[in-house]
C-alpha cells in the first residue's frame, strides 16, 4: 500500500490530527509497561496448545517477543512511518507463511488491548475527574483504533501475501495450461526448490505435472501407435493392392484353367468312347485271330494229310516203277525169245518192243511223277512248317491281342474314371472360379477400405505429431514444512494493496 493509501487508512481509523496526539500521549503512558503487556500476551500464547505449537523453543518465542515489542513501539509512537508499515507487512506475511489462524491472532490482540486498557484505567483512577475521564476515554479510543488499524494492516498483509502466492501459483498453472493448449507437453511446472512456485500449492503442481506426464505418455503412445498403424496400414494397403492384382491374375488364370479343363473333359469323354470302341475292336480282333489260329491248325492237319497221301502215292509210284521195270525185263526176254523164234516170232518181237517202249515210258513217267511227288512233298513239308509257324505266330498274336484287349479294357475303365474325376474337377474349378471372382471383388473392397484407413491414420498421425512430449514426467517434490517466528527474514517492501 502506498503513502496515499496509508494516509487514507490512518484517516479512516481517525488517527490523524488531534487523534494522533491522543495516541502519542497514550503510547507514552503504555510504552514503559510494554514488557509487562508482552509478558501477559505471550503467557497466553504459551498456555494455548494450538498457539504454543508455533514456537519450537524459548529462543523462537523471545525472537517473536522482541519483534512484536519493536512493532508496538513504532505503532504507539504515532509516527506511522514507512518502518511501521513495513513491520506490519512483515508480521502479516510471517503469519501467512506459518499459517497462523486468525482467531489466535485476534484473540491475542484483544487480550493485549484489554490488558493495556486496564493498565491505563488504573493510571487515571487516582485522579478520576470528569475531565480526566474524558481524556481517558479519548486515549483509550485512540489505543483501540490504533490496535484495530494495526490488526487491519497485519491482516491486509496476510491476504496480500496470500494473493501474491495464489497469483504466482495461478501464473504457473495458467502458463502450463497455455502450453498444454498449444500442445506442448514438454515443460512441467518447476518445483518450489527450482523456482518461486509456492510450496503450499505443490500438491496441485504435482497433480498437474502428473496429468501432463500421463497425457504425454498417452499422446506418445498414440504417436507411436499411429506411426505403427500408418506403417501397417501402408503395408496392408500395398499387400492388398498386390493381392488384388494377384487375385485378378489368378481369376483370369483360373478361368482359362476352367476352360482348358472343360476342353480336356470333353476330349477325355471322346477318348473314353474311342477307348471303349478300341476295346470292342480288340475283342473282335481276338476272336478273328482265334478263328485264324483254328484255320491254321486245320491247314496244318490237312497238309499233314496231303503229306501222308503223297507218301502213299510215292509208294504206289514205286510199285508202278517196279512193274515197269519187270515189264521191261519181260519185254526184253520176250524180244530175245522172239528173235530166237525167227520169222514166226517177229510179230511178237514187235509187240515185245512196243511193250518195252511203253514200260520204259511208264518208268520214265513214274520217275518224273516220283520226282514231282518228291518236290511236292518238299513243298508240303515246307508248307507244313510255314503253317505251323503261322499257327505259332497266330497263337502269339492271339496272346497279344488278348493282352491288348485286357489293357484296352483297363484303359477304358481308367478313362471312364478319369472322365468322372475330370468332371468333378471341372465342377470344382468352376466353383473355385466363382469363389475367386467373389474374392477379387472382396479384395477390391478391402483395398478401398485400406486406402481409407491409411488416409485416416495419416490424419491421426499428423494430428498427434503436433503434440510435443518428453520421455518421462518430472516427479514433484514434497512441500517444505512451515517455519516459525525464528525463520522470519527482513520483510519485503510494502506492496500496493
Protein backbone atom coordinates (compact mmCIF):
# COMPACT_ATOMS: atom_id res chain seq x y z
CA UNK A 1 0.00 0.00 0.00
CA UNK A 2 1.49 3.38 -0.99
CA UNK A 3 1.76 6.51 1.12
CA UNK A 4 -1.57 7.83 -0.12
CA UNK A 5 -3.20 4.55 0.82
CA UNK A 6 -1.55 4.59 4.23
CA UNK A 7 -2.71 8.16 4.80
CA UNK A 8 -6.26 7.19 3.88
CA UNK A 9 -6.11 4.24 6.26
CA UNK A 10 -4.88 6.46 9.10
CA UNK A 11 -7.69 8.89 8.38
CA UNK A 12 -10.31 6.11 8.25
CA UNK A 13 -9.26 4.91 11.70
CA UNK A 14 -9.29 8.54 12.98
CA UNK A 15 -5.63 8.55 13.93
CA UNK A 16 -4.60 11.79 12.28
CA UNK A 17 -4.68 15.33 13.59
CA UNK A 18 -5.70 15.68 17.25
CA UNK A 19 -6.46 11.96 17.49
CA UNK A 20 -2.82 11.26 16.62
CA UNK A 21 -1.78 13.34 19.61
CA UNK A 22 -4.03 11.24 21.83
CA UNK A 23 -2.32 8.10 20.50
CA UNK A 24 1.12 9.59 21.15
CA UNK A 25 0.07 10.52 24.69
CA UNK A 26 -1.37 7.04 25.31
CA UNK A 27 1.76 5.49 23.82
CA UNK A 28 3.97 7.36 26.22
CA UNK A 29 1.87 6.05 29.09
CA UNK A 30 1.90 2.45 27.79
CA UNK A 31 5.48 2.25 26.49
CA UNK A 32 7.06 1.75 29.91
CA UNK A 33 4.62 -1.10 30.52
CA UNK A 34 5.16 -2.91 27.16
CA UNK A 35 7.29 -5.66 28.67
CA UNK A 36 4.51 -6.37 31.14
CA UNK A 37 1.96 -6.34 28.30
CA UNK A 38 4.13 -8.70 26.22
CA UNK A 39 4.58 -10.98 29.21
CA UNK A 40 0.81 -11.21 29.52
CA UNK A 41 0.48 -11.58 25.71
CA UNK A 42 2.96 -14.46 25.39
CA UNK A 43 1.74 -16.11 28.58
CA UNK A 44 -1.48 -16.69 26.65
CA UNK A 45 0.49 -17.92 23.64
CA UNK A 46 2.38 -20.45 25.77
CA UNK A 47 -0.72 -21.63 27.62
CA UNK A 48 -2.79 -22.22 24.49
CA UNK A 49 -2.00 -25.62 22.98
CA UNK A 50 -2.56 -24.52 19.40
CA UNK A 51 -0.69 -21.21 19.77
CA UNK A 52 2.27 -22.80 21.56
CA UNK A 53 2.82 -25.09 18.56
CA UNK A 54 4.15 -22.13 16.56
CA UNK A 55 7.07 -21.65 18.95
CA UNK A 56 9.50 -24.54 18.82
CA UNK A 57 11.81 -23.17 21.50
CA UNK A 58 12.25 -20.38 24.03
CA UNK A 59 14.62 -18.66 21.61
CA UNK A 60 11.96 -18.55 18.92
CA UNK A 61 9.49 -17.11 21.45
CA UNK A 62 12.00 -14.48 22.60
CA UNK A 63 12.68 -13.57 18.96
CA UNK A 64 8.97 -13.12 18.28
CA UNK A 65 8.55 -11.13 21.51
CA UNK A 66 11.34 -8.73 20.57
CA UNK A 67 9.92 -8.21 17.07
CA UNK A 68 6.45 -7.58 18.50
CA UNK A 69 7.80 -5.03 21.01
CA UNK A 70 9.60 -3.09 18.28
CA UNK A 71 6.46 -3.13 16.18
CA UNK A 72 4.24 -1.83 19.01
CA UNK A 73 6.77 0.87 19.78
CA UNK A 74 6.50 2.03 16.14
CA UNK A 75 2.71 1.89 16.40
CA UNK A 76 2.46 3.77 19.72
CA UNK A 77 4.88 6.43 18.52
CA UNK A 78 2.08 7.75 16.33
CA UNK A 79 4.54 8.48 13.52
CA UNK A 80 3.12 5.84 11.18
CA UNK A 81 6.40 5.84 9.30
CA UNK A 82 7.40 3.53 6.48
CA UNK A 83 9.17 1.39 9.07
CA UNK A 84 5.88 0.81 10.85
CA UNK A 85 4.02 -0.20 7.70
CA UNK A 86 6.95 -2.42 6.64
CA UNK A 87 6.87 -4.03 10.07
CA UNK A 88 3.10 -4.64 9.85
CA UNK A 89 3.59 -6.07 6.35
CA UNK A 90 6.34 -8.38 7.61
CA UNK A 91 4.21 -9.62 10.51
CA UNK A 92 1.26 -10.32 8.20
CA UNK A 93 3.48 -12.21 5.74
CA UNK A 94 5.06 -14.23 8.54
CA UNK A 95 1.59 -15.10 9.84
CA UNK A 96 0.68 -16.27 6.34
CA UNK A 97 3.90 -18.22 5.95
CA UNK A 98 3.36 -20.11 9.20
CA UNK A 99 -0.44 -20.15 8.63
CA UNK A 100 -1.26 -18.61 11.98
CA UNK A 101 -5.05 -18.83 12.49
CA UNK A 102 -6.88 -15.50 12.63
CA UNK A 103 -8.73 -16.42 15.82
CA UNK A 104 -5.44 -16.91 17.71
CA UNK A 105 -4.04 -13.66 16.39
CA UNK A 106 -7.20 -11.63 17.08
CA UNK A 107 -7.72 -13.28 20.47
CA UNK A 108 -4.17 -12.40 21.49
CA UNK A 109 -4.56 -8.82 20.28
CA UNK A 110 -7.92 -8.50 22.07
CA UNK A 111 -6.38 -9.75 25.33
CA UNK A 112 -3.41 -7.41 24.94
CA UNK A 113 -5.70 -4.45 24.20
CA UNK A 114 -7.87 -5.20 27.22
CA UNK A 115 -4.79 -5.52 29.41
CA UNK A 116 -3.48 -2.14 28.17
CA UNK A 117 -6.89 -0.52 28.74
CA UNK A 118 -6.96 -1.84 32.33
CA UNK A 119 -3.46 -0.54 32.92
CA UNK A 120 -4.37 2.86 31.52
CA UNK A 121 -7.60 2.99 33.56
CA UNK A 122 -5.65 2.21 36.71
CA UNK A 123 -3.30 5.09 35.98
CA UNK A 124 -6.26 7.50 35.72
CA UNK A 125 -8.06 6.03 38.72
CA UNK A 126 -6.39 8.18 41.38
CA UNK A 127 -7.38 11.48 39.72
CA UNK A 128 -10.72 10.44 38.34
CA UNK A 129 -12.37 13.77 37.46
CA UNK A 130 -14.81 14.38 34.62
CA UNK A 131 -12.06 15.99 32.61
CA UNK A 132 -9.71 13.18 33.39
CA UNK A 133 -12.39 10.67 32.49
CA UNK A 134 -13.00 12.43 29.19
CA UNK A 135 -9.26 12.42 28.49
CA UNK A 136 -9.04 8.75 29.42
CA UNK A 137 -11.86 7.90 27.03
CA UNK A 138 -10.07 9.74 24.22
CA UNK A 139 -6.80 7.95 24.94
CA UNK A 140 -8.48 4.55 25.19
CA UNK A 141 -10.33 5.24 21.95
CA UNK A 142 -7.08 6.18 20.23
CA UNK A 143 -5.45 2.98 21.51
CA UNK A 144 -8.41 0.84 20.39
CA UNK A 145 -8.40 2.43 16.93
CA UNK A 146 -4.61 2.08 16.69
CA UNK A 147 -4.67 -1.61 17.58
CA UNK A 148 -7.65 -2.10 15.24
CA UNK A 149 -5.75 -0.41 12.41
CA UNK A 150 -2.68 -2.46 13.27
CA UNK A 151 -4.76 -5.65 13.08
CA UNK A 152 -6.13 -4.46 9.77
CA UNK A 153 -2.62 -3.78 8.42
CA UNK A 154 -1.36 -7.19 9.53
CA UNK A 155 -4.41 -9.00 8.13
CA UNK A 156 -4.18 -6.99 4.90
CA UNK A 157 -0.53 -8.03 4.56
CA UNK A 158 -1.60 -11.62 5.29
CA UNK A 159 -4.13 -11.53 2.45
CA UNK A 160 -1.69 -9.66 0.19
CA UNK A 161 0.87 -12.44 0.70
CA UNK A 162 -1.86 -14.99 0.10
CA UNK A 163 -2.91 -13.23 -3.12
CA UNK A 164 0.69 -12.98 -4.28
CA UNK A 165 1.23 -16.67 -3.62
CA UNK A 166 -2.03 -17.53 -5.36
CA UNK A 167 -1.14 -15.24 -8.26
CA UNK A 168 2.25 -16.94 -8.54
CA UNK A 169 0.68 -20.40 -8.45
CA UNK A 170 -2.05 -19.38 -10.89
CA UNK A 171 0.55 -17.78 -13.17
CA UNK A 172 2.50 -21.04 -13.34
CA UNK A 173 -0.71 -23.03 -13.76
CA UNK A 174 -2.01 -20.64 -16.43
CA UNK A 175 1.28 -20.80 -18.32
CA UNK A 176 1.28 -24.59 -18.04
CA UNK A 177 -2.32 -24.82 -19.25
CA UNK A 178 -1.49 -22.39 -22.05
CA UNK A 179 1.40 -24.61 -23.12
CA UNK A 180 -0.90 -27.62 -22.96
CA UNK A 181 -3.44 -25.77 -25.10
CA UNK A 182 -0.61 -25.18 -27.56
CA UNK A 183 0.05 -28.96 -27.46
CA UNK A 184 3.39 -28.57 -25.71
CA UNK A 185 3.72 -31.28 -23.06
CA UNK A 186 7.49 -30.95 -22.59
CA UNK A 187 7.63 -28.25 -19.90
CA UNK A 188 6.31 -29.24 -16.46
CA UNK A 189 5.81 -26.69 -13.72
CA UNK A 190 9.12 -26.44 -11.79
CA UNK A 191 9.26 -27.42 -8.14
CA UNK A 192 9.49 -24.86 -5.30
CA UNK A 193 13.19 -25.71 -4.94
CA UNK A 194 13.79 -24.80 -8.57
CA UNK A 195 11.57 -21.73 -8.78
CA UNK A 196 9.37 -19.36 -6.82
CA UNK A 197 6.40 -21.68 -7.12
CA UNK A 198 4.61 -21.72 -3.72
CA UNK A 199 5.23 -24.90 -1.77
CA UNK A 200 1.70 -24.63 -0.37
CA UNK A 201 0.33 -25.43 -3.87
CA UNK A 202 2.83 -28.18 -4.60
CA UNK A 203 0.08 -30.82 -4.49
CA UNK A 204 -1.69 -29.00 -7.31
CA UNK A 205 1.60 -28.65 -9.19
CA UNK A 206 2.38 -32.33 -8.75
CA UNK A 207 -1.11 -33.29 -9.89
CA UNK A 208 -0.79 -31.01 -12.92
CA UNK A 209 2.64 -32.42 -13.84
CA UNK A 210 1.35 -35.96 -13.33
CA UNK A 211 -1.60 -35.18 -15.58
CA UNK A 212 0.75 -33.69 -18.17
CA UNK A 213 3.06 -36.71 -17.96
CA UNK A 214 0.07 -39.02 -18.28
CA UNK A 215 -1.19 -37.07 -21.26
CA UNK A 216 2.32 -37.06 -22.68
CA UNK A 217 2.52 -40.81 -22.21
CA UNK A 218 -0.87 -41.29 -23.82
CA UNK A 219 -0.04 -38.93 -26.69
CA UNK A 220 3.38 -40.56 -27.08
CA UNK A 221 1.76 -43.97 -27.17
CA UNK A 222 -0.79 -42.68 -29.66
CA UNK A 223 2.03 -41.20 -31.74
CA UNK A 224 3.92 -44.50 -31.73
CA UNK A 225 0.72 -46.43 -32.36
CA UNK A 226 -0.28 -44.02 -35.12
CA UNK A 227 3.16 -44.37 -36.70
CA UNK A 228 2.99 -48.16 -36.42
CA UNK A 229 -0.60 -48.15 -37.62
CA UNK A 230 0.33 -45.90 -40.53
CA UNK A 231 3.21 -48.22 -41.41
CA UNK A 232 0.99 -51.28 -41.01
CA UNK A 233 -1.78 -49.63 -42.99
CA UNK A 234 0.71 -48.86 -45.73
CA UNK A 235 1.93 -52.44 -45.75
CA UNK A 236 -1.64 -53.73 -45.69
CA UNK A 237 -2.59 -51.34 -48.48
CA UNK A 238 0.39 -52.41 -50.57
CA UNK A 239 -0.31 -56.06 -49.79
CA UNK A 240 -4.00 -55.58 -50.59
CA UNK A 241 -3.15 -53.94 -53.89
CA UNK A 242 -0.70 -56.72 -54.71
CA UNK A 243 -3.24 -59.31 -53.55
CA UNK A 244 -5.87 -57.63 -55.70
CA UNK A 245 -3.55 -57.79 -58.70
CA UNK A 246 -2.66 -61.40 -57.97
CA UNK A 247 -6.30 -62.30 -57.38
CA UNK A 248 -7.26 -60.77 -60.71
CA UNK A 249 -4.43 -62.69 -62.37
CA UNK A 250 -5.46 -65.84 -60.51
CA UNK A 251 -9.07 -65.32 -61.52
CA UNK A 252 -8.06 -64.94 -65.17
CA UNK A 253 -5.75 -67.96 -64.94
CA UNK A 254 -8.43 -69.99 -63.17
CA UNK A 255 -10.94 -69.02 -65.83
CA UNK A 256 -8.52 -70.19 -68.52
CA UNK A 257 -7.86 -73.34 -66.48
CA UNK A 258 -11.59 -73.96 -66.19
CA UNK A 259 -11.95 -73.63 -69.96
CA UNK A 260 -8.94 -75.92 -70.51
CA UNK A 261 -10.27 -78.49 -68.02
CA UNK A 262 -13.63 -78.35 -69.74
CA UNK A 263 -11.93 -78.97 -73.10
CA UNK A 264 -9.87 -81.80 -71.56
CA UNK A 265 -13.07 -83.24 -70.08
CA UNK A 266 -14.73 -83.17 -73.50
CA UNK A 267 -11.61 -84.66 -75.10
CA UNK A 268 -11.42 -87.26 -72.34
CA UNK A 269 -15.04 -88.10 -72.98
CA UNK A 270 -14.24 -88.67 -76.65
CA UNK A 271 -11.11 -90.65 -75.70
CA UNK A 272 -13.19 -92.73 -73.31
CA UNK A 273 -15.61 -93.51 -76.14
CA UNK A 274 -12.76 -94.26 -78.54
CA UNK A 275 -11.04 -96.44 -75.93
CA UNK A 276 -14.28 -98.33 -75.36
CA UNK A 277 -14.62 -98.83 -79.13
CA UNK A 278 -10.95 -99.89 -79.34
CA UNK A 279 -11.53 -102.40 -76.58
CA UNK A 280 -14.50 -103.75 -78.52
CA UNK A 281 -12.47 -103.94 -81.75
CA UNK A 282 -9.63 -105.63 -79.85
CA UNK A 283 -12.06 -108.25 -78.58
CA UNK A 284 -13.30 -108.76 -82.17
CA UNK A 285 -9.68 -108.99 -83.40
CA UNK A 286 -9.00 -111.53 -80.68
CA UNK A 287 -11.95 -113.59 -81.95
CA UNK A 288 -10.77 -113.32 -85.58
CA UNK A 289 -7.20 -114.23 -84.54
CA UNK A 290 -8.51 -117.23 -82.64
CA UNK A 291 -10.50 -118.24 -85.75
CA UNK A 292 -7.33 -117.79 -87.86
CA UNK A 293 -5.45 -119.92 -85.39
CA UNK A 294 -8.10 -122.63 -85.73
CA UNK A 295 -7.92 -122.39 -89.55
CA UNK A 296 -4.12 -122.60 -89.40
CA UNK A 297 -4.43 -125.65 -87.19
CA UNK A 298 -6.84 -127.23 -89.68
CA UNK A 299 -4.48 -126.31 -92.54
CA UNK A 300 -1.58 -127.97 -90.73
CA UNK A 301 -3.73 -131.03 -90.24
CA UNK A 302 -4.75 -131.06 -93.93
CA UNK A 303 -1.15 -130.51 -95.03
CA UNK A 304 -0.16 -133.45 -92.88
CA UNK A 305 -2.88 -135.50 -94.59
CA UNK A 306 -1.57 -134.32 -98.02
CA UNK A 307 1.94 -135.30 -96.94
CA UNK A 308 0.61 -138.71 -95.94
CA UNK A 309 -1.21 -139.07 -99.30
CA UNK A 310 1.97 -138.04 -101.12
CA UNK A 311 3.84 -140.76 -99.28
CA UNK A 312 1.19 -143.27 -100.34
CA UNK A 313 1.37 -142.05 -103.95
CA UNK A 314 5.16 -142.37 -103.79
CA UNK A 315 4.74 -145.92 -102.63
CA UNK A 316 2.28 -146.60 -105.48
CA UNK A 317 4.66 -144.99 -107.99
CA UNK A 318 7.42 -147.18 -106.61
CA UNK A 319 5.20 -150.18 -107.27
CA UNK A 320 4.44 -148.89 -110.77
CA UNK A 321 8.16 -148.32 -111.30
CA UNK A 322 8.87 -151.90 -110.23
CA UNK A 323 6.12 -153.13 -112.53
CA UNK A 324 7.57 -151.09 -115.41
CA UNK A 325 10.98 -152.46 -114.60
CA UNK A 326 9.65 -156.06 -114.55
CA UNK A 327 7.64 -155.37 -117.69
CA UNK A 328 10.76 -154.06 -119.39
CA UNK A 329 12.67 -157.22 -118.38
CA UNK A 330 9.81 -159.35 -119.57
CA UNK A 331 9.66 -157.42 -122.85
CA UNK A 332 13.41 -157.80 -123.20
CA UNK A 333 13.18 -161.51 -122.58
CA UNK A 334 10.22 -161.75 -124.98
CA UNK A 335 12.27 -159.97 -127.64
CA UNK A 336 15.12 -162.36 -127.10
CA UNK A 337 12.78 -165.26 -127.39
CA UNK A 338 11.10 -163.74 -130.45
CA UNK A 339 14.48 -163.33 -132.08
CA UNK A 340 15.16 -166.95 -131.45
CA UNK A 341 11.85 -167.85 -132.96
CA UNK A 342 12.77 -166.08 -136.12
CA UNK A 343 10.17 -165.11 -138.59
CA UNK A 344 7.49 -166.64 -136.51
CA UNK A 345 8.29 -164.52 -133.56
CA UNK A 346 8.74 -161.27 -135.45
CA UNK A 347 5.22 -160.01 -134.67
CA UNK A 348 5.71 -160.98 -131.09
CA UNK A 349 9.04 -159.16 -131.15
CA UNK A 350 7.29 -156.05 -132.40
CA UNK A 351 4.76 -156.33 -129.59
CA UNK A 352 7.52 -157.00 -127.12
CA UNK A 353 9.37 -153.96 -128.41
CA UNK A 354 6.28 -151.80 -128.02
CA UNK A 355 5.66 -153.18 -124.55
CA UNK A 356 9.25 -152.50 -123.71
CA UNK A 357 8.91 -148.97 -125.05
CA UNK A 358 5.73 -148.49 -123.02
CA UNK A 359 7.46 -149.94 -119.97
CA UNK A 360 10.35 -147.57 -120.41
CA UNK A 361 7.97 -144.68 -120.98
CA UNK A 362 6.00 -145.77 -117.88
CA UNK A 363 9.25 -145.97 -115.94
CA UNK A 364 10.25 -142.51 -117.14
CA UNK A 365 6.81 -141.14 -116.32
CA UNK A 366 6.82 -142.90 -112.98
CA UNK A 367 10.23 -141.40 -112.31
CA UNK A 368 9.01 -137.95 -113.29
CA UNK A 369 5.90 -138.39 -111.17
CA UNK A 370 8.04 -139.57 -108.32
CA UNK A 371 10.30 -136.59 -108.73
CA UNK A 372 7.26 -134.29 -108.80
CA UNK A 373 5.82 -136.05 -105.78
CA UNK A 374 9.17 -135.64 -104.02
CA UNK A 375 9.16 -131.95 -104.90
CA UNK A 376 5.53 -131.69 -103.81
CA UNK A 377 6.38 -133.49 -100.61
CA UNK A 378 9.17 -130.98 -100.02
CA UNK A 379 6.77 -128.16 -100.72
CA UNK A 380 4.17 -129.78 -98.48
CA UNK A 381 6.78 -130.15 -95.74
CA UNK A 382 7.74 -126.51 -96.17
CA UNK A 383 4.03 -125.60 -96.21
CA UNK A 384 3.51 -127.59 -93.04
CA UNK A 385 6.45 -125.81 -91.42
CA UNK A 386 5.16 -122.42 -92.57
CA UNK A 387 1.62 -123.20 -91.48
CA UNK A 388 2.98 -124.42 -88.14
CA UNK A 389 4.97 -121.21 -87.80
CA UNK A 390 1.90 -119.25 -88.89
CA UNK A 391 -0.05 -121.08 -86.22
CA UNK A 392 2.58 -120.20 -83.65
CA UNK A 393 2.54 -116.58 -84.81
CA UNK A 394 -1.24 -116.55 -84.72
CA UNK A 395 -1.09 -118.04 -81.24
CA UNK A 396 1.29 -115.29 -80.16
CA UNK A 397 -0.94 -112.73 -81.90
CA UNK A 398 -3.93 -114.14 -80.05
CA UNK A 399 -1.99 -113.80 -76.76
CA UNK A 400 -1.01 -110.21 -77.55
CA UNK A 401 -4.49 -109.39 -78.79
CA UNK A 402 -5.85 -110.85 -75.59
CA UNK A 403 -3.40 -108.72 -73.59
CA UNK A 404 -4.32 -105.72 -75.72
CA UNK A 405 -7.96 -106.47 -75.03
CA UNK A 406 -7.30 -106.62 -71.29
CA UNK A 407 -5.25 -103.41 -71.43
CA UNK A 408 -7.88 -101.75 -73.59
CA UNK A 409 -10.49 -102.75 -71.04
CA UNK A 410 -8.32 -101.34 -68.23
CA UNK A 411 -7.66 -98.18 -70.25
CA UNK A 412 -11.37 -97.85 -70.95
CA UNK A 413 -12.12 -98.27 -67.24
CA UNK A 414 -9.38 -95.77 -66.30
CA UNK A 415 -10.56 -93.39 -68.98
CA UNK A 416 -14.07 -93.59 -67.56
CA UNK A 417 -12.73 -92.94 -64.06
CA UNK A 418 -10.58 -90.07 -65.37
CA UNK A 419 -13.59 -88.67 -67.16
CA UNK A 420 -15.59 -88.86 -63.93
CA UNK A 421 -12.69 -87.28 -61.99
CA UNK A 422 -12.22 -84.56 -64.58
CA UNK A 423 -15.94 -83.87 -64.48
CA UNK A 424 -15.70 -83.40 -60.72
CA UNK A 425 -12.54 -81.29 -61.16
CA UNK A 426 -14.34 -79.24 -63.78
CA UNK A 427 -17.19 -78.66 -61.31
CA UNK A 428 -14.70 -77.77 -58.56
CA UNK A 429 -12.72 -75.45 -60.82
CA UNK A 430 -15.94 -73.75 -61.89
CA UNK A 431 -16.84 -73.27 -58.22
CA UNK A 432 -13.30 -72.02 -57.49
CA UNK A 433 -13.62 -69.62 -60.40
CA UNK A 434 -16.85 -68.26 -58.92
CA UNK A 435 -15.31 -68.01 -55.44
CA UNK A 436 -12.18 -66.37 -56.85
CA UNK A 437 -14.32 -63.80 -58.64
CA UNK A 438 -16.08 -63.08 -55.33
CA UNK A 439 -12.69 -62.91 -53.57
CA UNK A 440 -11.45 -60.49 -56.19
CA UNK A 441 -14.46 -58.26 -55.52
CA UNK A 442 -13.88 -58.52 -51.75
CA UNK A 443 -10.17 -57.74 -52.20
CA UNK A 444 -11.11 -54.63 -54.16
CA UNK A 445 -13.42 -53.60 -51.31
CA UNK A 446 -10.64 -54.37 -48.79
CA UNK A 447 -8.18 -52.33 -50.83
CA UNK A 448 -10.58 -49.38 -50.86
CA UNK A 449 -11.16 -49.71 -47.10
CA UNK A 450 -7.41 -49.99 -46.50
CA UNK A 451 -6.76 -46.85 -48.53
CA UNK A 452 -9.39 -45.04 -46.43
CA UNK A 453 -7.83 -46.40 -43.21
CA UNK A 454 -4.40 -45.30 -44.42
CA UNK A 455 -5.69 -41.79 -45.05
CA UNK A 456 -7.41 -41.68 -41.65
CA UNK A 457 -4.23 -42.98 -39.99
CA UNK A 458 -2.19 -40.30 -41.72
CA UNK A 459 -4.60 -37.64 -40.46
CA UNK A 460 -4.38 -39.09 -36.92
CA UNK A 461 -0.58 -39.23 -37.09
CA UNK A 462 -0.39 -35.64 -38.32
CA UNK A 463 -2.75 -34.60 -35.51
CA UNK A 464 -0.84 -36.27 -32.67
CA UNK A 465 2.53 -35.20 -34.10
CA UNK A 466 1.57 -31.63 -33.28
CA UNK A 467 1.96 -32.53 -29.58
CA UNK A 468 5.41 -32.10 -28.04
CA UNK A 469 6.09 -34.74 -25.39
CA UNK A 470 9.01 -35.78 -23.20
CA UNK A 471 10.31 -39.22 -22.47
CA UNK A 472 9.36 -39.18 -18.80
CA UNK A 473 7.44 -36.89 -16.48
CA UNK A 474 9.26 -34.95 -13.82
CA UNK A 475 8.25 -36.08 -10.37
CA UNK A 476 7.09 -33.39 -7.94
CA UNK A 477 8.94 -32.95 -4.65
CA UNK A 478 7.28 -32.78 -1.21
CA UNK A 479 6.35 -29.33 0.07
CA UNK A 480 8.61 -27.88 2.82
CA UNK A 481 7.29 -27.73 6.36
CA UNK A 482 6.00 -24.43 7.73
CA UNK A 483 8.52 -22.45 9.75
CA UNK A 484 8.08 -20.43 12.94
CA UNK A 485 8.94 -16.97 14.10
CA UNK A 486 12.64 -17.76 14.23
CA UNK A 487 12.62 -18.13 10.39
CA UNK A 488 11.49 -14.55 9.92
CA UNK A 489 13.54 -12.72 7.31
CA UNK A 490 13.71 -8.99 6.70
CA UNK A 491 10.28 -8.02 5.42
CA UNK A 492 9.74 -7.04 1.79
CA UNK A 493 9.00 -3.50 0.83
CA UNK A 494 5.40 -2.52 1.37
CA UNK A 495 3.38 -3.52 -1.65
CA UNK A 496 0.39 -1.79 -3.13
CA UNK A 497 -2.85 -3.21 -1.83
